[in-house]
Amino acid sequence: AQAKSLGEKAQGAAKAATDKVKGHPYAAAGIAAGVAAAVAGAAFG
């Protein structure tokens, strides 16, 4: 198989992530909130 370019890999990853978020919106929102809290805590520290 031909090697995929970085753009093609990124598009594939974005599509897979979008499909997962559409399938599990509450889990995705919880993960996003946790990441935001972790980043805010690190910035505060």
ModelCIF file with pLDDT and N, C-alpha, C, O atoms, coordinates in Angstrom:
data_MODEL
#
_entry.id   MODEL 
#
_entity.id                         1 
_entity.type                       polymer 
_entity.pdbx_number_of_molecules   1 
#
_entity_poly.entity_id                      1 
_entity_poly.type                           'polypeptide(L)' 
_entity_poly.nstd_linkage                   no 
_entity_poly.nstd_monomer                   no 
_entity_poly.pdbx_seq_one_letter_code       AQAKSLGEKAQGAAKAATDKVKGHPYAAAGIAAGVAAAVAGAAFG 
_entity_poly.pdbx_seq_one_letter_code_can   AQAKSLGEKAQGAAKAATDKVKGHPYAAAGIAAGVAAAVAGAAFG 
_entity_poly.pdbx_strand_id                 A 
#
loop_
_entity_poly_seq.entity_id 
_entity_poly_seq.num 
_entity_poly_seq.mon_id 
_entity_poly_seq.hetero 
1 1  ALA n 
1 2  GLN n 
1 3  ALA n 
1 4  LYS n 
1 5  SER n 
1 6  LEU n 
1 7  GLY n 
1 8  GLU n 
1 9  LYS n 
1 10 ALA n 
1 11 GLN n 
1 12 GLY n 
1 13 ALA n 
1 14 ALA n 
1 15 LYS n 
1 16 ALA n 
1 17 ALA n 
1 18 THR n 
1 19 ASP n 
1 20 LYS n 
1 21 VAL n 
1 22 LYS n 
1 23 GLY n 
1 24 HIS n 
1 25 PRO n 
1 26 TYR n 
1 27 ALA n 
1 28 ALA n 
1 29 ALA n 
1 30 GLY n 
1 31 ILE n 
1 32 ALA n 
1 33 ALA n 
1 34 GLY n 
1 35 VAL n 
1 36 ALA n 
1 37 ALA n 
1 38 ALA n 
1 39 VAL n 
1 40 ALA n 
1 41 GLY n 
1 42 ALA n 
1 43 ALA n 
1 44 PHE n 
1 45 GLY n 
#
_struct_asym.id          A 
_struct_asym.entity_id   1 
#
loop_
_ma_qa_metric.id 
_ma_qa_metric.mode 
_ma_qa_metric.name 
_ma_qa_metric.software_group_id 
_ma_qa_metric.type 
1 global pLDDT . pLDDT 
2 local  pLDDT . pLDDT 
#
_ma_qa_metric_global.metric_id      1 
_ma_qa_metric_global.metric_value   91.58 
_ma_qa_metric_global.model_id       1 
_ma_qa_metric_global.ordinal_id     1 
#
loop_
_ma_qa_metric_local.label_asym_id 
_ma_qa_metric_local.label_comp_id 
_ma_qa_metric_local.label_seq_id 
_ma_qa_metric_local.metric_id 
_ma_qa_metric_local.metric_value 
_ma_qa_metric_local.model_id 
_ma_qa_metric_local.ordinal_id 
A ALA 1  2 73.00 1 1  
A GLN 2  2 74.00 1 2  
A ALA 3  2 70.00 1 3  
A LYS 4  2 79.00 1 4  
A SER 5  2 86.00 1 5  
A LEU 6  2 84.00 1 6  
A GLY 7  2 87.00 1 7  
A GLU 8  2 88.00 1 8  
A LYS 9  2 88.00 1 9  
A ALA 10 2 91.00 1 10 
A GLN 11 2 92.00 1 11 
A GLY 12 2 90.00 1 12 
A ALA 13 2 91.00 1 13 
A ALA 14 2 92.00 1 14 
A LYS 15 2 94.00 1 15 
A ALA 16 2 93.00 1 16 
A ALA 17 2 91.00 1 17 
A THR 18 2 93.00 1 18 
A ASP 19 2 93.00 1 19 
A LYS 20 2 92.00 1 20 
A VAL 21 2 92.00 1 21 
A LYS 22 2 94.00 1 22 
A GLY 23 2 94.00 1 23 
A HIS 24 2 94.00 1 24 
A PRO 25 2 94.00 1 25 
A TYR 26 2 95.00 1 26 
A ALA 27 2 95.00 1 27 
A ALA 28 2 94.00 1 28 
A ALA 29 2 95.00 1 29 
A GLY 30 2 96.00 1 30 
A ILE 31 2 94.00 1 31 
A ALA 32 2 94.00 1 32 
A ALA 33 2 97.00 1 33 
A GLY 34 2 97.00 1 34 
A VAL 35 2 96.00 1 35 
A ALA 36 2 97.00 1 36 
A ALA 37 2 97.00 1 37 
A ALA 38 2 97.00 1 38 
A VAL 39 2 97.00 1 39 
A ALA 40 2 97.00 1 40 
A GLY 41 2 96.00 1 41 
A ALA 42 2 96.00 1 42 
A ALA 43 2 95.00 1 43 
A PHE 44 2 94.00 1 44 
A GLY 45 2 93.00 1 45 
#
loop_
_atom_site.group_PDB 
_atom_site.id 
_atom_site.type_symbol 
_atom_site.label_atom_id 
_atom_site.label_alt_id 
_atom_site.label_comp_id 
_atom_site.label_asym_id 
_atom_site.label_entity_id 
_atom_site.label_seq_id 
_atom_site.pdbx_PDB_ins_code 
_atom_site.Cartn_x 
_atom_site.Cartn_y 
_atom_site.Cartn_z 
_atom_site.occupancy 
_atom_site.B_iso_or_equiv 
_atom_site.pdbx_formal_charge 
_atom_site.auth_seq_id 
_atom_site.auth_comp_id 
_atom_site.auth_asym_id 
_atom_site.auth_atom_id 
_atom_site.pdbx_PDB_model_num 
ATOM 1   N N  . ALA A 1 1  ? 0.849   -1.192 0.000  1.00 73.00 ? 1  ALA A N  1 
ATOM 2   C CA . ALA A 1 1  ? 0.000   0.000  0.000  1.00 73.00 ? 1  ALA A CA 1 
ATOM 3   C C  . ALA A 1 1  ? 0.884   1.241  0.000  1.00 73.00 ? 1  ALA A C  1 
ATOM 4   O O  . ALA A 1 1  ? 1.954   1.255  0.609  1.00 73.00 ? 1  ALA A O  1 
ATOM 5   N N  . GLN A 1 2  ? 0.432   2.265  -0.679 1.00 74.00 ? 2  GLN A N  1 
ATOM 6   C CA . GLN A 1 2  ? 1.181   3.511  -0.723 1.00 74.00 ? 2  GLN A CA 1 
ATOM 7   C C  . GLN A 1 2  ? 1.157   4.166  0.659  1.00 74.00 ? 2  GLN A C  1 
ATOM 8   O O  . GLN A 1 2  ? 0.145   4.128  1.360  1.00 74.00 ? 2  GLN A O  1 
ATOM 9   N N  . ALA A 1 3  ? 2.268   4.755  1.031  1.00 70.00 ? 3  ALA A N  1 
ATOM 10  C CA . ALA A 1 3  ? 2.354   5.453  2.315  1.00 70.00 ? 3  ALA A CA 1 
ATOM 11  C C  . ALA A 1 3  ? 1.436   6.667  2.287  1.00 70.00 ? 3  ALA A C  1 
ATOM 12  O O  . ALA A 1 3  ? 1.385   7.400  1.299  1.00 70.00 ? 3  ALA A O  1 
ATOM 13  N N  . LYS A 1 4  ? 0.717   6.867  3.379  1.00 79.00 ? 4  LYS A N  1 
ATOM 14  C CA . LYS A 1 4  ? -0.188  8.006  3.464  1.00 79.00 ? 4  LYS A CA 1 
ATOM 15  C C  . LYS A 1 4  ? 0.595   9.253  3.847  1.00 79.00 ? 4  LYS A C  1 
ATOM 16  O O  . LYS A 1 4  ? 1.557   9.202  4.614  1.00 79.00 ? 4  LYS A O  1 
ATOM 17  N N  . SER A 1 5  ? 0.154   10.366 3.291  1.00 86.00 ? 5  SER A N  1 
ATOM 18  C CA . SER A 1 5  ? 0.777   11.633 3.664  1.00 86.00 ? 5  SER A CA 1 
ATOM 19  C C  . SER A 1 5  ? 0.287   12.036 5.050  1.00 86.00 ? 5  SER A C  1 
ATOM 20  O O  . SER A 1 5  ? -0.679  11.472 5.564  1.00 86.00 ? 5  SER A O  1 
ATOM 21  N N  . LEU A 1 6  ? 0.945   12.994 5.637  1.00 84.00 ? 6  LEU A N  1 
ATOM 22  C CA . LEU A 1 6  ? 0.566   13.475 6.963  1.00 84.00 ? 6  LEU A CA 1 
ATOM 23  C C  . LEU A 1 6  ? -0.855  14.029 6.953  1.00 84.00 ? 6  LEU A C  1 
ATOM 24  O O  . LEU A 1 6  ? -1.610  13.825 7.904  1.00 84.00 ? 6  LEU A O  1 
ATOM 25  N N  . GLY A 1 7  ? -1.216  14.721 5.891  1.00 87.00 ? 7  GLY A N  1 
ATOM 26  C CA . GLY A 1 7  ? -2.565  15.274 5.771  1.00 87.00 ? 7  GLY A CA 1 
ATOM 27  C C  . GLY A 1 7  ? -3.622  14.186 5.731  1.00 87.00 ? 7  GLY A C  1 
ATOM 28  O O  . GLY A 1 7  ? -4.670  14.311 6.364  1.00 87.00 ? 7  GLY A O  1 
ATOM 29  N N  . GLU A 1 8  ? -3.352  13.116 4.990  1.00 88.00 ? 8  GLU A N  1 
ATOM 30  C CA . GLU A 1 8  ? -4.304  12.002 4.916  1.00 88.00 ? 8  GLU A CA 1 
ATOM 31  C C  . GLU A 1 8  ? -4.450  11.312 6.268  1.00 88.00 ? 8  GLU A C  1 
ATOM 32  O O  . GLU A 1 8  ? -5.550  10.922 6.660  1.00 88.00 ? 8  GLU A O  1 
ATOM 33  N N  . LYS A 1 9  ? -3.330  11.165 6.978  1.00 88.00 ? 9  LYS A N  1 
ATOM 34  C CA . LYS A 1 9  ? -3.386  10.558 8.307  1.00 88.00 ? 9  LYS A CA 1 
ATOM 35  C C  . LYS A 1 9  ? -4.193  11.425 9.268  1.00 88.00 ? 9  LYS A C  1 
ATOM 36  O O  . LYS A 1 9  ? -4.986  10.915 10.059 1.00 88.00 ? 9  LYS A O  1 
ATOM 37  N N  . ALA A 1 10 ? -3.984  12.740 9.192  1.00 91.00 ? 10 ALA A N  1 
ATOM 38  C CA . ALA A 1 10 ? -4.707  13.664 10.068 1.00 91.00 ? 10 ALA A CA 1 
ATOM 39  C C  . ALA A 1 10 ? -6.198  13.643 9.760  1.00 91.00 ? 10 ALA A C  1 
ATOM 40  O O  . ALA A 1 10 ? -7.022  13.674 10.674 1.00 91.00 ? 10 ALA A O  1 
ATOM 41  N N  . GLN A 1 11 ? -6.548  13.592 8.480  1.00 92.00 ? 11 GLN A N  1 
ATOM 42  C CA . GLN A 1 11 ? -7.959  13.529 8.108  1.00 92.00 ? 11 GLN A CA 1 
ATOM 43  C C  . GLN A 1 11 ? -8.601  12.246 8.610  1.00 92.00 ? 11 GLN A C  1 
ATOM 44  O O  . GLN A 1 11 ? -9.737  12.264 9.085  1.00 92.00 ? 11 GLN A O  1 
ATOM 45  N N  . GLY A 1 12 ? -7.892  11.146 8.511  1.00 90.00 ? 12 GLY A N  1 
ATOM 46  C CA . GLY A 1 12 ? -8.413  9.878  9.010  1.00 90.00 ? 12 GLY A CA 1 
ATOM 47  C C  . GLY A 1 12 ? -8.612  9.901  10.516 1.00 90.00 ? 12 GLY A C  1 
ATOM 48  O O  . GLY A 1 12 ? -9.619  9.403  11.020 1.00 90.00 ? 12 GLY A O  1 
ATOM 49  N N  . ALA A 1 13 ? -7.661  10.474 11.232 1.00 91.00 ? 13 ALA A N  1 
ATOM 50  C CA . ALA A 1 13 ? -7.772  10.564 12.687 1.00 91.00 ? 13 ALA A CA 1 
ATOM 51  C C  . ALA A 1 13 ? -8.914  11.491 13.097 1.00 91.00 ? 13 ALA A C  1 
ATOM 52  O O  . ALA A 1 13 ? -9.640  11.201 14.048 1.00 91.00 ? 13 ALA A O  1 
ATOM 53  N N  . ALA A 1 14 ? -9.074  12.600 12.383 1.00 92.00 ? 14 ALA A N  1 
ATOM 54  C CA . ALA A 1 14 ? -10.157 13.529 12.696 1.00 92.00 ? 14 ALA A CA 1 
ATOM 55  C C  . ALA A 1 14 ? -11.516 12.887 12.441 1.00 92.00 ? 14 ALA A C  1 
ATOM 56  O O  . ALA A 1 14 ? -12.450 13.077 13.220 1.00 92.00 ? 14 ALA A O  1 
ATOM 57  N N  . LYS A 1 15 ? -11.629 12.132 11.359 1.00 94.00 ? 15 LYS A N  1 
ATOM 58  C CA . LYS A 1 15 ? -12.889 11.458 11.058 1.00 94.00 ? 15 LYS A CA 1 
ATOM 59  C C  . LYS A 1 15 ? -13.204 10.415 12.120 1.00 94.00 ? 15 LYS A C  1 
ATOM 60  O O  . LYS A 1 15 ? -14.349 10.303 12.556 1.00 94.00 ? 15 LYS A O  1 
ATOM 61  N N  . ALA A 1 16 ? -12.213 9.659  12.535 1.00 93.00 ? 16 ALA A N  1 
ATOM 62  C CA . ALA A 1 16 ? -12.431 8.644  13.568 1.00 93.00 ? 16 ALA A CA 1 
ATOM 63  C C  . ALA A 1 16 ? -12.845 9.291  14.881 1.00 93.00 ? 16 ALA A C  1 
ATOM 64  O O  . ALA A 1 16 ? -13.737 8.789  15.565 1.00 93.00 ? 16 ALA A O  1 
ATOM 65  N N  . ALA A 1 17 ? -12.206 10.403 15.240 1.00 91.00 ? 17 ALA A N  1 
ATOM 66  C CA . ALA A 1 17 ? -12.555 11.102 16.473 1.00 91.00 ? 17 ALA A CA 1 
ATOM 67  C C  . ALA A 1 17 ? -13.974 11.658 16.399 1.00 91.00 ? 17 ALA A C  1 
ATOM 68  O O  . ALA A 1 17 ? -14.725 11.585 17.372 1.00 91.00 ? 17 ALA A O  1 
ATOM 69  N N  . THR A 1 18 ? -14.337 12.209 15.253 1.00 93.00 ? 18 THR A N  1 
ATOM 70  C CA . THR A 1 18 ? -15.688 12.744 15.072 1.00 93.00 ? 18 THR A CA 1 
ATOM 71  C C  . THR A 1 18 ? -16.732 11.653 15.206 1.00 93.00 ? 18 THR A C  1 
ATOM 72  O O  . THR A 1 18 ? -17.774 11.858 15.827 1.00 93.00 ? 18 THR A O  1 
ATOM 73  N N  . ASP A 1 19 ? -16.458 10.501 14.628 1.00 93.00 ? 19 ASP A N  1 
ATOM 74  C CA . ASP A 1 19 ? -17.401 9.382  14.727 1.00 93.00 ? 19 ASP A CA 1 
ATOM 75  C C  . ASP A 1 19 ? -17.568 8.932  16.174 1.00 93.00 ? 19 ASP A C  1 
ATOM 76  O O  . ASP A 1 19 ? -18.682 8.623  16.598 1.00 93.00 ? 19 ASP A O  1 
ATOM 77  N N  . LYS A 1 20 ? -16.483 8.890  16.934 1.00 92.00 ? 20 LYS A N  1 
ATOM 78  C CA . LYS A 1 20 ? -16.561 8.490  18.340 1.00 92.00 ? 20 LYS A CA 1 
ATOM 79  C C  . LYS A 1 20 ? -17.345 9.510  19.162 1.00 92.00 ? 20 LYS A C  1 
ATOM 80  O O  . LYS A 1 20 ? -18.142 9.136  20.023 1.00 92.00 ? 20 LYS A O  1 
ATOM 81  N N  . VAL A 1 21 ? -17.117 10.800 18.897 1.00 92.00 ? 21 VAL A N  1 
ATOM 82  C CA . VAL A 1 21 ? -17.825 11.842 19.639 1.00 92.00 ? 21 VAL A CA 1 
ATOM 83  C C  . VAL A 1 21 ? -19.323 11.783 19.338 1.00 92.00 ? 21 VAL A C  1 
ATOM 84  O O  . VAL A 1 21 ? -20.146 11.938 20.240 1.00 92.00 ? 21 VAL A O  1 
ATOM 85  N N  . LYS A 1 22 ? -19.672 11.560 18.078 1.00 94.00 ? 22 LYS A N  1 
ATOM 86  C CA . LYS A 1 22 ? -21.085 11.455 17.721 1.00 94.00 ? 22 LYS A CA 1 
ATOM 87  C C  . LYS A 1 22 ? -21.733 10.252 18.385 1.00 94.00 ? 22 LYS A C  1 
ATOM 88  O O  . LYS A 1 22 ? -22.914 10.295 18.729 1.00 94.00 ? 22 LYS A O  1 
ATOM 89  N N  . GLY A 1 23 ? -20.981 9.190  18.567 1.00 94.00 ? 23 GLY A N  1 
ATOM 90  C CA . GLY A 1 23 ? -21.517 7.988  19.195 1.00 94.00 ? 23 GLY A CA 1 
ATOM 91  C C  . GLY A 1 23 ? -21.618 8.083  20.704 1.00 94.00 ? 23 GLY A C  1 
ATOM 92  O O  . GLY A 1 23 ? -22.483 7.444  21.304 1.00 94.00 ? 23 GLY A O  1 
ATOM 93  N N  . HIS A 1 24 ? -20.753 8.868  21.329 1.00 94.00 ? 24 HIS A N  1 
ATOM 94  C CA . HIS A 1 24 ? -20.711 8.972  22.794 1.00 94.00 ? 24 HIS A CA 1 
ATOM 95  C C  . HIS A 1 24 ? -20.534 10.433 23.207 1.00 94.00 ? 24 HIS A C  1 
ATOM 96  O O  . HIS A 1 24 ? -19.466 10.809 23.691 1.00 94.00 ? 24 HIS A O  1 
ATOM 97  N N  . PRO A 1 25 ? -21.568 11.266 23.022 1.00 94.00 ? 25 PRO A N  1 
ATOM 98  C CA . PRO A 1 25 ? -21.385 12.701 23.276 1.00 94.00 ? 25 PRO A CA 1 
ATOM 99  C C  . PRO A 1 25 ? -21.135 13.047 24.743 1.00 94.00 ? 25 PRO A C  1 
ATOM 100 O O  . PRO A 1 25 ? -20.356 13.957 25.028 1.00 94.00 ? 25 PRO A O  1 
ATOM 101 N N  . TYR A 1 26 ? -21.777 12.344 25.682 1.00 95.00 ? 26 TYR A N  1 
ATOM 102 C CA . TYR A 1 26 ? -21.579 12.678 27.095 1.00 95.00 ? 26 TYR A CA 1 
ATOM 103 C C  . TYR A 1 26 ? -20.180 12.291 27.566 1.00 95.00 ? 26 TYR A C  1 
ATOM 104 O O  . TYR A 1 26 ? -19.560 13.016 28.344 1.00 95.00 ? 26 TYR A O  1 
ATOM 105 N N  . ALA A 1 27 ? -19.693 11.169 27.102 1.00 95.00 ? 27 ALA A N  1 
ATOM 106 C CA . ALA A 1 27 ? -18.332 10.768 27.455 1.00 95.00 ? 27 ALA A CA 1 
ATOM 107 C C  . ALA A 1 27 ? -17.326 11.767 26.889 1.00 95.00 ? 27 ALA A C  1 
ATOM 108 O O  . ALA A 1 27 ? -16.363 12.135 27.562 1.00 95.00 ? 27 ALA A O  1 
ATOM 109 N N  . ALA A 1 28 ? -17.552 12.203 25.653 1.00 94.00 ? 28 ALA A N  1 
ATOM 110 C CA . ALA A 1 28 ? -16.651 13.177 25.038 1.00 94.00 ? 28 ALA A CA 1 
ATOM 111 C C  . ALA A 1 28 ? -16.671 14.494 25.804 1.00 94.00 ? 28 ALA A C  1 
ATOM 112 O O  . ALA A 1 28 ? -15.627 15.114 26.006 1.00 94.00 ? 28 ALA A O  1 
ATOM 113 N N  . ALA A 1 29 ? -17.865 14.923 26.233 1.00 95.00 ? 29 ALA A N  1 
ATOM 114 C CA . ALA A 1 29 ? -17.962 16.166 26.999 1.00 95.00 ? 29 ALA A CA 1 
ATOM 115 C C  . ALA A 1 29 ? -17.255 16.030 28.342 1.00 95.00 ? 29 ALA A C  1 
ATOM 116 O O  . ALA A 1 29 ? -16.604 16.969 28.800 1.00 95.00 ? 29 ALA A O  1 
ATOM 117 N N  . GLY A 1 30 ? -17.378 14.879 28.966 1.00 96.00 ? 30 GLY A N  1 
ATOM 118 C CA . GLY A 1 30 ? -16.690 14.652 30.241 1.00 96.00 ? 30 GLY A CA 1 
ATOM 119 C C  . GLY A 1 30 ? -15.181 14.665 30.087 1.00 96.00 ? 30 GLY A C  1 
ATOM 120 O O  . GLY A 1 30 ? -14.472 15.233 30.918 1.00 96.00 ? 30 GLY A O  1 
ATOM 121 N N  . ILE A 1 31 ? -14.695 14.047 29.036 1.00 94.00 ? 31 ILE A N  1 
ATOM 122 C CA . ILE A 1 31 ? -13.255 14.043 28.779 1.00 94.00 ? 31 ILE A CA 1 
ATOM 123 C C  . ILE A 1 31 ? -12.770 15.464 28.515 1.00 94.00 ? 31 ILE A C  1 
ATOM 124 O O  . ILE A 1 31 ? -11.730 15.870 29.032 1.00 94.00 ? 31 ILE A O  1 
ATOM 125 N N  . ALA A 1 32 ? -13.516 16.220 27.714 1.00 94.00 ? 32 ALA A N  1 
ATOM 126 C CA . ALA A 1 32 ? -13.121 17.595 27.405 1.00 94.00 ? 32 ALA A CA 1 
ATOM 127 C C  . ALA A 1 32 ? -13.096 18.452 28.672 1.00 94.00 ? 32 ALA A C  1 
ATOM 128 O O  . ALA A 1 32 ? -12.195 19.271 28.852 1.00 94.00 ? 32 ALA A O  1 
ATOM 129 N N  . ALA A 1 33 ? -14.084 18.262 29.544 1.00 97.00 ? 33 ALA A N  1 
ATOM 130 C CA . ALA A 1 33 ? -14.110 19.021 30.794 1.00 97.00 ? 33 ALA A CA 1 
ATOM 131 C C  . ALA A 1 33 ? -12.924 18.649 31.683 1.00 97.00 ? 33 ALA A C  1 
ATOM 132 O O  . ALA A 1 33 ? -12.326 19.518 32.317 1.00 97.00 ? 33 ALA A O  1 
ATOM 133 N N  . GLY A 1 34 ? -12.590 17.378 31.728 1.00 97.00 ? 34 GLY A N  1 
ATOM 134 C CA . GLY A 1 34 ? -11.444 16.950 32.525 1.00 97.00 ? 34 GLY A CA 1 
ATOM 135 C C  . GLY A 1 34 ? -10.136 17.512 32.004 1.00 97.00 ? 34 GLY A C  1 
ATOM 136 O O  . GLY A 1 34 ? -9.283  17.936 32.783 1.00 97.00 ? 34 GLY A O  1 
ATOM 137 N N  . VAL A 1 35 ? -9.977  17.515 30.694 1.00 96.00 ? 35 VAL A N  1 
ATOM 138 C CA . VAL A 1 35 ? -8.760  18.072 30.098 1.00 96.00 ? 35 VAL A CA 1 
ATOM 139 C C  . VAL A 1 35 ? -8.680  19.567 30.380 1.00 96.00 ? 35 VAL A C  1 
ATOM 140 O O  . VAL A 1 35 ? -7.613  20.085 30.711 1.00 96.00 ? 35 VAL A O  1 
ATOM 141 N N  . ALA A 1 36 ? -9.813  20.263 30.248 1.00 97.00 ? 36 ALA A N  1 
ATOM 142 C CA . ALA A 1 36 ? -9.819  21.701 30.520 1.00 97.00 ? 36 ALA A CA 1 
ATOM 143 C C  . ALA A 1 36 ? -9.452  21.977 31.980 1.00 97.00 ? 36 ALA A C  1 
ATOM 144 O O  . ALA A 1 36 ? -8.700  22.909 32.263 1.00 97.00 ? 36 ALA A O  1 
ATOM 145 N N  . ALA A 1 37 ? -9.975  21.177 32.900 1.00 97.00 ? 37 ALA A N  1 
ATOM 146 C CA . ALA A 1 37 ? -9.660  21.367 34.317 1.00 97.00 ? 37 ALA A CA 1 
ATOM 147 C C  . ALA A 1 37 ? -8.181  21.107 34.590 1.00 97.00 ? 37 ALA A C  1 
ATOM 148 O O  . ALA A 1 37 ? -7.551  21.817 35.373 1.00 97.00 ? 37 ALA A O  1 
ATOM 149 N N  . ALA A 1 38 ? -7.635  20.087 33.939 1.00 97.00 ? 38 ALA A N  1 
ATOM 150 C CA . ALA A 1 38 ? -6.216  19.777 34.134 1.00 97.00 ? 38 ALA A CA 1 
ATOM 151 C C  . ALA A 1 38 ? -5.329  20.897 33.611 1.00 97.00 ? 38 ALA A C  1 
ATOM 152 O O  . ALA A 1 38 ? -4.351  21.272 34.258 1.00 97.00 ? 38 ALA A O  1 
ATOM 153 N N  . VAL A 1 39 ? -5.664  21.427 32.453 1.00 97.00 ? 39 VAL A N  1 
ATOM 154 C CA . VAL A 1 39 ? -4.876  22.521 31.876 1.00 97.00 ? 39 VAL A CA 1 
ATOM 155 C C  . VAL A 1 39 ? -4.992  23.768 32.750 1.00 97.00 ? 39 VAL A C  1 
ATOM 156 O O  . VAL A 1 39 ? -3.998  24.451 32.997 1.00 97.00 ? 39 VAL A O  1 
ATOM 157 N N  . ALA A 1 40 ? -6.210  24.064 33.220 1.00 97.00 ? 40 ALA A N  1 
ATOM 158 C CA . ALA A 1 40 ? -6.396  25.239 34.075 1.00 97.00 ? 40 ALA A CA 1 
ATOM 159 C C  . ALA A 1 40 ? -5.639  25.075 35.389 1.00 97.00 ? 40 ALA A C  1 
ATOM 160 O O  . ALA A 1 40 ? -5.038  26.030 35.881 1.00 97.00 ? 40 ALA A O  1 
ATOM 161 N N  . GLY A 1 41 ? -5.664  23.878 35.955 1.00 96.00 ? 41 GLY A N  1 
ATOM 162 C CA . GLY A 1 41 ? -4.925  23.635 37.192 1.00 96.00 ? 41 GLY A CA 1 
ATOM 163 C C  . GLY A 1 41 ? -3.431  23.780 37.008 1.00 96.00 ? 41 GLY A C  1 
ATOM 164 O O  . GLY A 1 41 ? -2.742  24.337 37.862 1.00 96.00 ? 41 GLY A O  1 
ATOM 165 N N  . ALA A 1 42 ? -2.931  23.278 35.887 1.00 96.00 ? 42 ALA A N  1 
ATOM 166 C CA . ALA A 1 42 ? -1.503  23.410 35.614 1.00 96.00 ? 42 ALA A CA 1 
ATOM 167 C C  . ALA A 1 42 ? -1.116  24.873 35.408 1.00 96.00 ? 42 ALA A C  1 
ATOM 168 O O  . ALA A 1 42 ? -0.065  25.311 35.877 1.00 96.00 ? 42 ALA A O  1 
ATOM 169 N N  . ALA A 1 43 ? -1.958  25.626 34.710 1.00 95.00 ? 43 ALA A N  1 
ATOM 170 C CA . ALA A 1 43 ? -1.673  27.041 34.493 1.00 95.00 ? 43 ALA A CA 1 
ATOM 171 C C  . ALA A 1 43 ? -1.710  27.811 35.816 1.00 95.00 ? 43 ALA A C  1 
ATOM 172 O O  . ALA A 1 43 ? -0.875  28.685 36.054 1.00 95.00 ? 43 ALA A O  1 
ATOM 173 N N  . PHE A 1 44 ? -2.672  27.486 36.667 1.00 94.00 ? 44 PHE A N  1 
ATOM 174 C CA . PHE A 1 44 ? -2.764  28.148 37.969 1.00 94.00 ? 44 PHE A CA 1 
ATOM 175 C C  . PHE A 1 44 ? -1.529  27.834 38.815 1.00 94.00 ? 44 PHE A C  1 
ATOM 176 O O  . PHE A 1 44 ? -0.952  28.724 39.439 1.00 94.00 ? 44 PHE A O  1 
ATOM 177 N N  . GLY A 1 45 ? -1.133  26.566 38.831 1.00 93.00 ? 45 GLY A N  1 
ATOM 178 C CA . GLY A 1 45 ? 0.046   26.175 39.602 1.00 93.00 ? 45 GLY A CA 1 
ATOM 179 C C  . GLY A 1 45 ? 1.310   26.840 39.092 1.00 93.00 ? 45 GLY A C  1 
ATOM 180 O O  . GLY A 1 45 ? 2.390   26.613 39.636 1.00 93.00 ? 45 GLY A O  1 
#
